[in-house]
PDB file of N, CA and C in Angstrom:
ATOM      1  N   UNK A   1     -17.934  19.274 -44.779  1.00  0.00           N
ATOM      2  CA  UNK A   1     -18.113  17.866 -45.565  1.00  0.00           C
ATOM      3  C   UNK A   1     -17.681  18.178 -46.820  1.00  0.00           C
ATOM      4  N   UNK A   2     -17.049  16.884 -47.025  1.00  0.00           N
ATOM      5  CA  UNK A   2     -16.276  16.724 -48.450  1.00  0.00           C
ATOM      6  C   UNK A   2     -16.979  15.698 -49.736  1.00  0.00           C
ATOM      7  N   UNK A   3     -17.129  16.617 -50.338  1.00  0.00           N
ATOM      8  CA  UNK A   3     -17.993  15.692 -51.584  1.00  0.00           C
ATOM      9  C   UNK A   3     -16.754  15.557 -52.711  1.00  0.00           C
ATOM     10  N   UNK A   4     -16.740  14.523 -53.272  1.00  0.00           N
ATOM     11  CA  UNK A   4     -15.883  13.963 -54.666  1.00  0.00           C
ATOM     12  C   UNK A   4     -16.331  14.673 -55.880  1.00  0.00           C
ATOM     13  N   UNK A   5     -15.469  14.843 -56.492  1.00  0.00           N
ATOM     14  CA  UNK A   5     -15.775  15.144 -57.790  1.00  0.00           C
ATOM     15  C   UNK A   5     -16.737  14.117 -58.606  1.00  0.00           C
ATOM     16  N   UNK A   6     -17.338  14.854 -59.529  1.00  0.00           N
ATOM     17  CA  UNK A   6     -18.034  13.977 -60.599  1.00  0.00           C
ATOM     18  C   UNK A   6     -16.906  13.134 -61.253  1.00  0.00           C
ATOM     19  N   UNK A   7     -17.685  11.534 -61.306  1.00  0.00           N
ATOM     20  CA  UNK A   7     -16.575  10.542 -61.839  1.00  0.00           C
ATOM     21  C   UNK A   7     -15.792  10.371 -60.887  1.00  0.00           C
ATOM     22  N   UNK A   8     -15.469  10.472 -59.518  1.00  0.00           N
ATOM     23  CA  UNK A   8     -14.313   9.997 -59.114  1.00  0.00           C
ATOM     24  C   UNK A   8     -14.769   8.976 -57.642  1.00  0.00           C
ATOM     25  N   UNK A   9     -14.410   8.260 -57.065  1.00  0.00           N
ATOM     26  CA  UNK A   9     -15.140   7.051 -56.530  1.00  0.00           C
ATOM     27  C   UNK A   9     -16.605   6.462 -56.998  1.00  0.00           C
ATOM     28  N   UNK A  10     -17.389   6.620 -56.133  1.00  0.00           N
ATOM     29  CA  UNK A  10     -18.935   6.282 -56.320  1.00  0.00           C
ATOM     30  C   UNK A  10     -19.648   7.115 -57.418  1.00  0.00           C
ATOM     31  N   UNK A  11     -19.282   8.597 -57.509  1.00  0.00           N
ATOM     32  CA  UNK A  11     -19.857   9.654 -57.955  1.00  0.00           C
ATOM     33  C   UNK A  11     -20.126   9.407 -59.480  1.00  0.00           C
ATOM     34  N   UNK A  12     -21.029   9.455 -60.076  1.00  0.00           N
ATOM     35  CA  UNK A  12     -21.223   8.977 -61.232  1.00  0.00           C
ATOM     36  C   UNK A  12     -20.625  10.459 -62.405  1.00  0.00           C
ATOM     37  N   UNK A  13     -20.230  10.367 -63.555  1.00  0.00           N
ATOM     38  CA  UNK A  13     -20.277  11.520 -64.149  1.00  0.00           C
ATOM     39  C   UNK A  13     -21.567  12.112 -64.558  1.00  0.00           C
ATOM     40  N   UNK A  14     -21.216  13.633 -64.735  1.00  0.00           N
ATOM     41  CA  UNK A  14     -22.671  13.887 -65.117  1.00  0.00           C
ATOM     42  C   UNK A  14     -23.097  13.709 -66.666  1.00  0.00           C
ATOM     43  N   UNK A  15     -24.451  13.365 -66.887  1.00  0.00           N
ATOM     44  CA  UNK A  15     -24.680  13.050 -68.482  1.00  0.00           C
ATOM     45  C   UNK A  15     -24.866  14.027 -69.490  1.00  0.00           C
ATOM     46  N   UNK A  16     -25.172  15.165 -68.798  1.00  0.00           N
ATOM     47  CA  UNK A  16     -25.001  16.821 -69.515  1.00  0.00           C
ATOM     48  C   UNK A  16     -23.864  17.655 -68.860  1.00  0.00           C
ATOM     49  N   UNK A  17     -23.188  18.079 -69.385  1.00  0.00           N
ATOM     50  CA  UNK A  17     -22.194  18.634 -68.699  1.00  0.00           C
ATOM     51  C   UNK A  17     -22.806  20.287 -68.372  1.00  0.00           C
ATOM     52  N   UNK A  18     -24.012  20.700 -69.219  1.00  0.00           N
ATOM     53  CA  UNK A  18     -24.563  22.047 -68.770  1.00  0.00           C
ATOM     54  C   UNK A  18     -25.824  22.218 -67.776  1.00  0.00           C
ATOM     55  N   UNK A  19     -26.118  20.701 -67.353  1.00  0.00           N
ATOM     56  CA  UNK A  19     -27.238  20.117 -66.604  1.00  0.00           C
ATOM     57  C   UNK A  19     -26.523  20.964 -65.039  1.00  0.00           C
ATOM     58  N   UNK A  20     -27.251  22.293 -64.442  1.00  0.00           N
ATOM     59  CA  UNK A  20     -26.529  22.782 -62.976  1.00  0.00           C
ATOM     60  C   UNK A  20     -26.809  21.502 -61.844  1.00  0.00           C
ATOM     61  N   UNK A  21     -25.743  21.483 -60.603  1.00  0.00           N
ATOM     62  CA  UNK A  21     -25.452  20.968 -59.819  1.00  0.00           C
ATOM     63  C   UNK A  21     -27.071  21.065 -58.956  1.00  0.00           C
ATOM     64  N   UNK A  22     -27.434  20.050 -58.016  1.00  0.00           N
ATOM     65  CA  UNK A  22     -28.574  20.201 -57.388  1.00  0.00           C
ATOM     66  C   UNK A  22     -28.494  22.083 -56.291  1.00  0.00           C
ATOM     67  N   UNK A  23     -27.192  21.932 -55.999  1.00  0.00           N
ATOM     68  CA  UNK A  23     -27.183  23.435 -55.208  1.00  0.00           C
ATOM     69  C   UNK A  23     -27.040  24.337 -56.021  1.00  0.00           C
ATOM     70  N   UNK A  24     -26.655  24.508 -57.144  1.00  0.00           N
ATOM     71  CA  UNK A  24     -26.998  25.647 -58.143  1.00  0.00           C
ATOM     72  C   UNK A  24     -28.429  25.988 -58.258  1.00  0.00           C
ATOM     73  N   UNK A  25     -29.158  24.959 -58.645  1.00  0.00           N
ATOM     74  CA  UNK A  25     -30.552  24.954 -59.022  1.00  0.00           C
ATOM     75  C   UNK A  25     -31.549  25.502 -57.670  1.00  0.00           C
ATOM     76  N   UNK A  26     -30.975  25.352 -56.400  1.00  0.00           N
ATOM     77  CA  UNK A  26     -31.209  25.517 -55.165  1.00  0.00           C
ATOM     78  C   UNK A  26     -31.234  27.050 -55.020  1.00  0.00           C
ATOM     79  N   UNK A  27     -29.830  27.605 -55.040  1.00  0.00           N
ATOM     80  CA  UNK A  27     -29.716  28.446 -55.144  1.00  0.00           C
ATOM     81  C   UNK A  27     -30.023  29.763 -56.096  1.00  0.00           C
ATOM     82  N   UNK A  28     -30.409  29.218 -57.611  1.00  0.00           N
ATOM     83  CA  UNK A  28     -30.966  29.870 -58.554  1.00  0.00           C
ATOM     84  C   UNK A  28     -32.101  30.218 -58.216  1.00  0.00           C
ATOM     85  N   UNK A  29     -33.024  29.302 -57.556  1.00  0.00           N
ATOM     86  CA  UNK A  29     -34.712  29.497 -57.153  1.00  0.00           C
ATOM     87  C   UNK A  29     -34.580  30.382 -56.149  1.00  0.00           C
ATOM     88  N   UNK A  30     -33.494  30.596 -55.098  1.00  0.00           N
ATOM     89  CA  UNK A  30     -33.662  31.515 -54.317  1.00  0.00           C
ATOM     90  C   UNK A  30     -33.567  32.882 -54.695  1.00  0.00           C
ATOM     91  N   UNK A  31     -32.479  33.011 -55.404  1.00  0.00           N
ATOM     92  CA  UNK A  31     -32.120  34.134 -55.895  1.00  0.00           C
ATOM     93  C   UNK A  31     -33.244  34.997 -56.921  1.00  0.00           C
ATOM     94  N   UNK A  32     -34.026  33.715 -57.646  1.00  0.00           N
ATOM     95  CA  UNK A  32     -34.649  34.615 -58.724  1.00  0.00           C
ATOM     96  C   UNK A  32     -36.466  34.508 -58.151  1.00  0.00           C
ATOM     97  N   UNK A  33     -36.445  34.424 -56.899  1.00  0.00           N
ATOM     98  CA  UNK A  33     -37.614  34.399 -56.713  1.00  0.00           C
ATOM     99  C   UNK A  33     -38.822  35.427 -56.999  1.00  0.00           C
ATOM    100  N   UNK A  34     -38.117  36.482 -56.319  1.00  0.00           N
ATOM    101  CA  UNK A  34     -38.600  37.796 -56.883  1.00  0.00           C
ATOM    102  C   UNK A  34     -39.118  38.036 -58.691  1.00  0.00           C
ATOM    103  N   UNK A  35     -37.914  37.898 -59.525  1.00  0.00           N
ATOM    104  CA  UNK A  35     -38.055  37.669 -60.649  1.00  0.00           C
ATOM    105  C   UNK A  35     -39.064  36.525 -61.108  1.00  0.00           C
ATOM    106  N   UNK A  36     -39.406  35.737 -60.792  1.00  0.00           N
ATOM    107  CA  UNK A  36     -40.393  34.559 -60.922  1.00  0.00           C
ATOM    108  C   UNK A  36     -41.906  35.063 -60.463  1.00  0.00           C
ATOM    109  N   UNK A  37     -41.735  35.881 -59.402  1.00  0.00           N
ATOM    110  CA  UNK A  37     -42.997  36.321 -58.965  1.00  0.00           C
ATOM    111  C   UNK A  37     -43.277  37.580 -59.701  1.00  0.00           C
ATOM    112  N   UNK A  38     -42.619  38.486 -60.432  1.00  0.00           N
ATOM    113  CA  UNK A  38     -42.796  39.640 -61.812  1.00  0.00           C
ATOM    114  C   UNK A  38     -43.398  39.183 -62.794  1.00  0.00           C
ATOM    115  N   UNK A  39     -42.614  37.514 -63.235  1.00  0.00           N
ATOM    116  CA  UNK A  39     -43.215  37.174 -64.442  1.00  0.00           C
ATOM    117  C   UNK A  39     -44.349  36.422 -64.192  1.00  0.00           C
ATOM    118  N   UNK A  40     -44.881  36.158 -63.025  1.00  0.00           N
ATOM    119  CA  UNK A  40     -46.352  35.698 -63.022  1.00  0.00           C
ATOM    120  C   UNK A  40     -47.187  36.543 -62.687  1.00  0.00           C
ATOM    121  N   UNK A  41     -46.978  37.565 -62.286  1.00  0.00           N
ATOM    122  CA  UNK A  41     -47.643  39.134 -62.468  1.00  0.00           C
ATOM    123  C   UNK A  41     -48.171  39.520 -63.822  1.00  0.00           C
ATOM    124  N   UNK A  42     -47.102  39.344 -64.725  1.00  0.00           N
ATOM    125  CA  UNK A  42     -47.050  39.948 -66.074  1.00  0.00           C
ATOM    126  C   UNK A  42     -47.584  39.016 -67.049  1.00  0.00           C
ATOM    127  N   UNK A  43     -47.845  37.815 -66.253  1.00  0.00           N
ATOM    128  CA  UNK A  43     -48.862  37.015 -67.520  1.00  0.00           C
ATOM    129  C   UNK A  43     -50.151  36.736 -66.822  1.00  0.00           C
ATOM    130  N   UNK A  44     -50.523  37.260 -65.404  1.00  0.00           N
ATOM    131  CA  UNK A  44     -51.691  37.119 -64.956  1.00  0.00           C
ATOM    132  C   UNK A  44     -53.168  37.014 -65.516  1.00  0.00           C
ATOM    133  N   UNK A  45     -53.988  36.019 -65.526  1.00  0.00           N
ATOM    134  CA  UNK A  45     -54.876  35.810 -66.186  1.00  0.00           C
ATOM    135  C   UNK A  45     -55.244  35.261 -67.474  1.00  0.00           C
ATOM    136  N   UNK A  46     -53.812  34.861 -68.201  1.00  0.00           N
ATOM    137  CA  UNK A  46     -53.413  34.043 -69.358  1.00  0.00           C
ATOM    138  C   UNK A  46     -53.201  32.437 -68.970  1.00  0.00           C
ATOM    139  N   UNK A  47     -53.666  32.039 -69.017  1.00  0.00           N
ATOM    140  CA  UNK A  47     -53.644  30.451 -68.221  1.00  0.00           C
ATOM    141  C   UNK A  47     -52.407  29.890 -69.317  1.00  0.00           C
ATOM    142  N   UNK A  48     -52.579  29.520 -70.336  1.00  0.00           N
ATOM    143  CA  UNK A  48     -51.016  29.171 -71.138  1.00  0.00           C
ATOM    144  C   UNK A  48     -50.120  29.574 -70.281  1.00  0.00           C
ATOM    145  N   UNK A  49     -49.727  30.751 -70.730  1.00  0.00           N
ATOM    146  CA  UNK A  49     -48.709  31.758 -69.943  1.00  0.00           C
ATOM    147  C   UNK A  49     -48.242  31.585 -68.489  1.00  0.00           C
ATOM    148  N   UNK A  50     -49.769  31.363 -67.738  1.00  0.00           N
ATOM    149  CA  UNK A  50     -49.095  30.829 -66.341  1.00  0.00           C
ATOM    150  C   UNK A  50     -48.278  29.873 -66.167  1.00  0.00           C
ATOM    151  N   UNK A  51     -49.129  29.061 -67.020  1.00  0.00           N
ATOM    152  CA  UNK A  51     -48.560  27.296 -66.737  1.00  0.00           C
ATOM    153  C   UNK A  51     -47.191  27.339 -67.311  1.00  0.00           C
ATOM    154  N   UNK A  52     -46.801  28.144 -68.393  1.00  0.00           N
ATOM    155  CA  UNK A  52     -45.419  28.040 -69.183  1.00  0.00           C
ATOM    156  C   UNK A  52     -44.229  28.603 -67.602  1.00  0.00           C
ATOM    157  N   UNK A  53     -44.850  29.900 -67.579  1.00  0.00           N
ATOM    158  CA  UNK A  53     -43.983  30.522 -66.430  1.00  0.00           C
ATOM    159  C   UNK A  53     -43.812  29.378 -65.289  1.00  0.00           C
ATOM    160  N   UNK A  54     -44.686  28.933 -64.836  1.00  0.00           N
ATOM    161  CA  UNK A  54     -44.343  28.152 -63.604  1.00  0.00           C
ATOM    162  C   UNK A  54     -43.671  26.930 -64.201  1.00  0.00           C
ATOM    163  N   UNK A  55     -43.795  26.079 -65.013  1.00  0.00           N
ATOM    164  CA  UNK A  55     -43.450  25.098 -65.468  1.00  0.00           C
ATOM    165  C   UNK A  55     -41.734  25.352 -65.910  1.00  0.00           C
ATOM    166  N   UNK A  56     -41.462  26.800 -66.723  1.00  0.00           N
ATOM    167  CA  UNK A  56     -40.201  27.100 -66.718  1.00  0.00           C
ATOM    168  C   UNK A  56     -39.465  27.410 -65.516  1.00  0.00           C
ATOM    169  N   UNK A  57     -40.296  28.035 -64.416  1.00  0.00           N
ATOM    170  CA  UNK A  57     -39.626  28.324 -63.229  1.00  0.00           C
ATOM    171  C   UNK A  57     -39.027  26.764 -62.600  1.00  0.00           C
ATOM    172  N   UNK A  58     -39.892  25.410 -62.498  1.00  0.00           N
ATOM    173  CA  UNK A  58     -39.595  24.536 -61.832  1.00  0.00           C
ATOM    174  C   UNK A  58     -38.446  23.769 -62.730  1.00  0.00           C
ATOM    175  N   UNK A  59     -37.552  24.380 -63.587  1.00  0.00           N
ATOM    176  CA  UNK A  59     -36.467  23.648 -64.351  1.00  0.00           C
ATOM    177  C   UNK A  59     -37.283  22.689 -65.738  1.00  0.00           C
ATOM    178  N   UNK A  60     -38.892  22.702 -66.337  1.00  0.00           N
ATOM    179  CA  UNK A  60     -39.000  21.977 -66.789  1.00  0.00           C
ATOM    180  C   UNK A  60     -38.806  22.365 -68.139  1.00  0.00           C
ATOM    181  N   UNK A  61     -38.485  21.391 -69.401  1.00  0.00           N
ATOM    182  CA  UNK A  61     -37.913  21.713 -70.598  1.00  0.00           C
ATOM    183  C   UNK A  61     -38.585  21.124 -71.654  1.00  0.00           C
ATOM    184  N   UNK A  62     -38.512  21.256 -72.725  1.00  0.00           N
ATOM    185  CA  UNK A  62     -39.107  20.799 -73.778  1.00  0.00           C
ATOM    186  C   UNK A  62     -40.406  19.622 -73.954  1.00  0.00           C
ATOM    187  N   UNK A  63     -40.263  18.290 -73.738  1.00  0.00           N
ATOM    188  CA  UNK A  63     -41.377  17.409 -73.953  1.00  0.00           C
ATOM    189  C   UNK A  63     -42.284  17.604 -72.512  1.00  0.00           C
ATOM    190  N   UNK A  64     -41.532  17.943 -71.585  1.00  0.00           N
ATOM    191  CA  UNK A  64     -42.255  18.446 -70.588  1.00  0.00           C
ATOM    192  C   UNK A  64     -43.219  19.286 -70.367  1.00  0.00           C
ATOM    193  N   UNK A  65     -42.297  20.446 -71.022  1.00  0.00           N
ATOM    194  CA  UNK A  65     -43.068  21.642 -71.205  1.00  0.00           C
ATOM    195  C   UNK A  65     -44.644  21.430 -72.033  1.00  0.00           C
ATOM    196  N   UNK A  66     -44.635  20.610 -73.252  1.00  0.00           N
ATOM    197  CA  UNK A  66     -45.631  19.990 -73.899  1.00  0.00           C
ATOM    198  C   UNK A  66     -46.672  19.148 -72.955  1.00  0.00           C
ATOM    199  N   UNK A  67     -46.087  18.476 -72.359  1.00  0.00           N
ATOM    200  CA  UNK A  67     -46.721  17.636 -71.452  1.00  0.00           C
ATOM    201  C   UNK A  67     -47.653  18.547 -70.412  1.00  0.00           C
ATOM    202  N   UNK A  68     -47.074  19.847 -69.717  1.00  0.00           N
ATOM    203  CA  UNK A  68     -47.843  20.572 -69.062  1.00  0.00           C
ATOM    204  C   UNK A  68     -48.596  21.485 -69.651  1.00  0.00           C
ATOM    205  N   UNK A  69     -48.349  21.710 -70.754  1.00  0.00           N
ATOM    206  CA  UNK A  69     -49.724  22.538 -71.466  1.00  0.00           C
ATOM    207  C   UNK A  69     -50.429  21.710 -72.080  1.00  0.00           C
ATOM    208  N   UNK A  70     -49.896  20.335 -72.413  1.00  0.00           N
ATOM    209  CA  UNK A  70     -51.192  19.824 -73.275  1.00  0.00           C
ATOM    210  C   UNK A  70     -51.243  20.182 -74.802  1.00  0.00           C
ATOM    211  N   UNK A  71     -50.061  20.394 -75.138  1.00  0.00           N
ATOM    212  CA  UNK A  71     -50.022  20.593 -76.260  1.00  0.00           C
ATOM    213  C   UNK A  71     -48.602  19.660 -77.229  1.00  0.00           C
ATOM    214  N   UNK A  72     -48.496  20.125 -78.775  1.00  0.00           N
ATOM    215  CA  UNK A  72     -47.497  19.364 -79.413  1.00  0.00           C
ATOM    216  C   UNK A  72     -46.210  20.571 -79.841  1.00  0.00           C
ATOM    217  N   UNK A  73     -44.853  20.091 -80.371  1.00  0.00           N
ATOM    218  CA  UNK A  73     -44.348  21.021 -80.617  1.00  0.00           C
ATOM    219  C   UNK A  73     -44.500  22.445 -81.207  1.00  0.00           C
ATOM    220  N   UNK A  74     -45.163  22.609 -82.054  1.00  0.00           N
ATOM    221  CA  UNK A  74     -45.716  23.533 -82.543  1.00  0.00           C
ATOM    222  C   UNK A  74     -46.748  24.638 -81.585  1.00  0.00           C
ATOM    223  N   UNK A  75     -47.482  23.507 -80.793  1.00  0.00           N
ATOM    224  CA  UNK A  75     -48.354  24.557 -79.896  1.00  0.00           C
ATOM    225  C   UNK A  75     -47.184  25.414 -78.687  1.00  0.00           C
ATOM    226  N   UNK A  76     -46.354  24.763 -78.375  1.00  0.00           N
ATOM    227  CA  UNK A  76     -45.317  25.473 -77.310  1.00  0.00           C
ATOM    228  C   UNK A  76     -44.571  26.139 -78.019  1.00  0.00           C
ATOM    229  N   UNK A  77     -44.403  26.247 -79.535  1.00  0.00           N
ATOM    230  CA  UNK A  77     -43.474  27.474 -79.862  1.00  0.00           C
ATOM    231  C   UNK A  77     -44.308  28.626 -80.063  1.00  0.00           C
ATOM    232  N   UNK A  78     -45.872  28.323 -79.932  1.00  0.00           N
ATOM    233  CA  UNK A  78     -46.646  29.563 -80.152  1.00  0.00           C
ATOM    234  C   UNK A  78     -46.774  29.960 -78.695  1.00  0.00           C
ATOM    235  N   UNK A  79     -46.738  29.474 -77.900  1.00  0.00           N
ATOM    236  CA  UNK A  79     -47.025  29.930 -76.715  1.00  0.00           C
ATOM    237  C   UNK A  79     -45.415  30.545 -76.255  1.00  0.00           C
ATOM    238  N   UNK A  80     -44.359  29.938 -76.461  1.00  0.00           N
ATOM    239  CA  UNK A  80     -43.200  30.583 -76.351  1.00  0.00           C
ATOM    240  C   UNK A  80     -42.898  32.063 -76.656  1.00  0.00           C
ATOM    241  N   UNK A  81     -43.617  32.115 -78.166  1.00  0.00           N
ATOM    242  CA  UNK A  81     -43.655  33.293 -78.928  1.00  0.00           C
ATOM    243  C   UNK A  81     -44.536  34.611 -78.285  1.00  0.00           C
ATOM    244  N   UNK A  82     -45.628  34.049 -77.617  1.00  0.00           N
ATOM    245  CA  UNK A  82     -46.535  34.903 -76.882  1.00  0.00           C
ATOM    246  C   UNK A  82     -45.622  35.714 -75.541  1.00  0.00           C
ATOM    247  N   UNK A  83     -45.144  34.864 -75.109  1.00  0.00           N
ATOM    248  CA  UNK A  83     -44.206  34.764 -74.057  1.00  0.00           C
ATOM    249  C   UNK A  83     -43.104  35.820 -74.225  1.00  0.00           C
ATOM    250  N   UNK A  84     -42.385  35.610 -75.236  1.00  0.00           N
ATOM    251  CA  UNK A  84     -41.482  36.590 -75.991  1.00  0.00           C
ATOM    252  C   UNK A  84     -42.113  37.866 -75.883  1.00  0.00           C
ATOM    253  N   UNK A  85     -43.281  37.838 -76.838  1.00  0.00           N
ATOM    254  CA  UNK A  85     -43.755  39.081 -77.442  1.00  0.00           C
ATOM    255  C   UNK A  85     -44.023  40.093 -76.211  1.00  0.00           C
ATOM    256  N   UNK A  86     -44.989  39.416 -74.894  1.00  0.00           N
ATOM    257  CA  UNK A  86     -45.335  40.039 -73.638  1.00  0.00           C
ATOM    258  C   UNK A  86     -44.108  40.381 -73.239  1.00  0.00           C
ATOM    259  N   UNK A  87     -42.956  40.035 -72.903  1.00  0.00           N
ATOM    260  CA  UNK A  87     -41.800  40.328 -72.711  1.00  0.00           C
ATOM    261  C   UNK A  87     -41.078  41.552 -73.263  1.00  0.00           C
ATOM    262  N   UNK A  88     -41.195  41.875 -74.315  1.00  0.00           N
ATOM    263  CA  UNK A  88     -40.458  42.608 -75.336  1.00  0.00           C
ATOM    264  C   UNK A  88     -41.663  43.298 -75.306  1.00  0.00           C
ATOM    265  N   UNK A  89     -42.909  43.695 -74.906  1.00  0.00           N
ATOM    266  CA  UNK A  89     -43.731  44.815 -74.891  1.00  0.00           C
ATOM    267  C   UNK A  89     -43.805  45.245 -73.294  1.00  0.00           C
ATOM    268  N   UNK A  90     -43.422  44.638 -72.574  1.00  0.00           N
ATOM    269  CA  UNK A  90     -43.383  44.965 -70.955  1.00  0.00           C
ATOM    270  C   UNK A  90     -41.864  45.662 -70.829  1.00  0.00           C
ATOM    271  N   UNK A  91     -40.748  45.279 -71.398  1.00  0.00           N
ATOM    272  CA  UNK A  91     -39.598  45.619 -70.888  1.00  0.00           C
ATOM    273  C   UNK A  91     -38.695  45.839 -72.453  1.00  0.00           C
ATOM    274  N   UNK A  92     -38.841  46.916 -73.485  1.00  0.00           N
ATOM    275  CA  UNK A  92     -38.694  47.597 -74.321  1.00  0.00           C
ATOM    276  C   UNK A  92     -37.213  47.840 -74.251  1.00  0.00           C
ATOM    277  N   UNK A  93     -36.664  47.679 -73.194  1.00  0.00           N
ATOM    278  CA  UNK A  93     -35.244  48.404 -72.964  1.00  0.00           C
ATOM    279  C   UNK A  93     -34.398  46.802 -72.485  1.00  0.00           C
ATOM    280  N   UNK A  94     -34.885  45.723 -72.681  1.00  0.00           N
ATOM    281  CA  UNK A  94     -34.401  44.153 -72.288  1.00  0.00           C
ATOM    282  C   UNK A  94     -35.386  43.836 -70.953  1.00  0.00           C
ATOM    283  N   UNK A  95     -35.162  42.588 -70.725  1.00  0.00           N
ATOM    284  CA  UNK A  95     -35.522  42.394 -69.496  1.00  0.00           C
ATOM    285  C   UNK A  95     -34.880  42.406 -68.321  1.00  0.00           C
ATOM    286  N   UNK A  96     -35.106  42.767 -67.226  1.00  0.00           N
ATOM    287  CA  UNK A  96     -34.141  43.012 -65.994  1.00  0.00           C
ATOM    288  C   UNK A  96     -33.823  42.017 -65.225  1.00  0.00           C
ATOM    289  N   UNK A  97     -33.488  40.677 -65.972  1.00  0.00           N
ATOM    290  CA  UNK A  97     -33.241  39.326 -65.002  1.00  0.00           C
ATOM    291  C   UNK A  97     -31.651  39.476 -64.961  1.00  0.00           C
TER     292      UNK A  97
END
């Protein structure tokens, strides 16, 4: 099946060049399923971190994450810091993703 380039014919240009294609997103989800499960086990019992990991795995960012967590920008930053600390403690030699 032929798929024309973005911007050719009736296919619109991407608004953000850094946005992965739907195919890339589906492939990443398949490839990283085990890593996402490991991350879920790592945060088990911490409701906010569980929500963060699930939302990140679903591709949510920024305001969407704030909405999922029911917080503002500062609250999201605090949850992200906890997540980073948890990763640093659990993987002192770096995250194996």
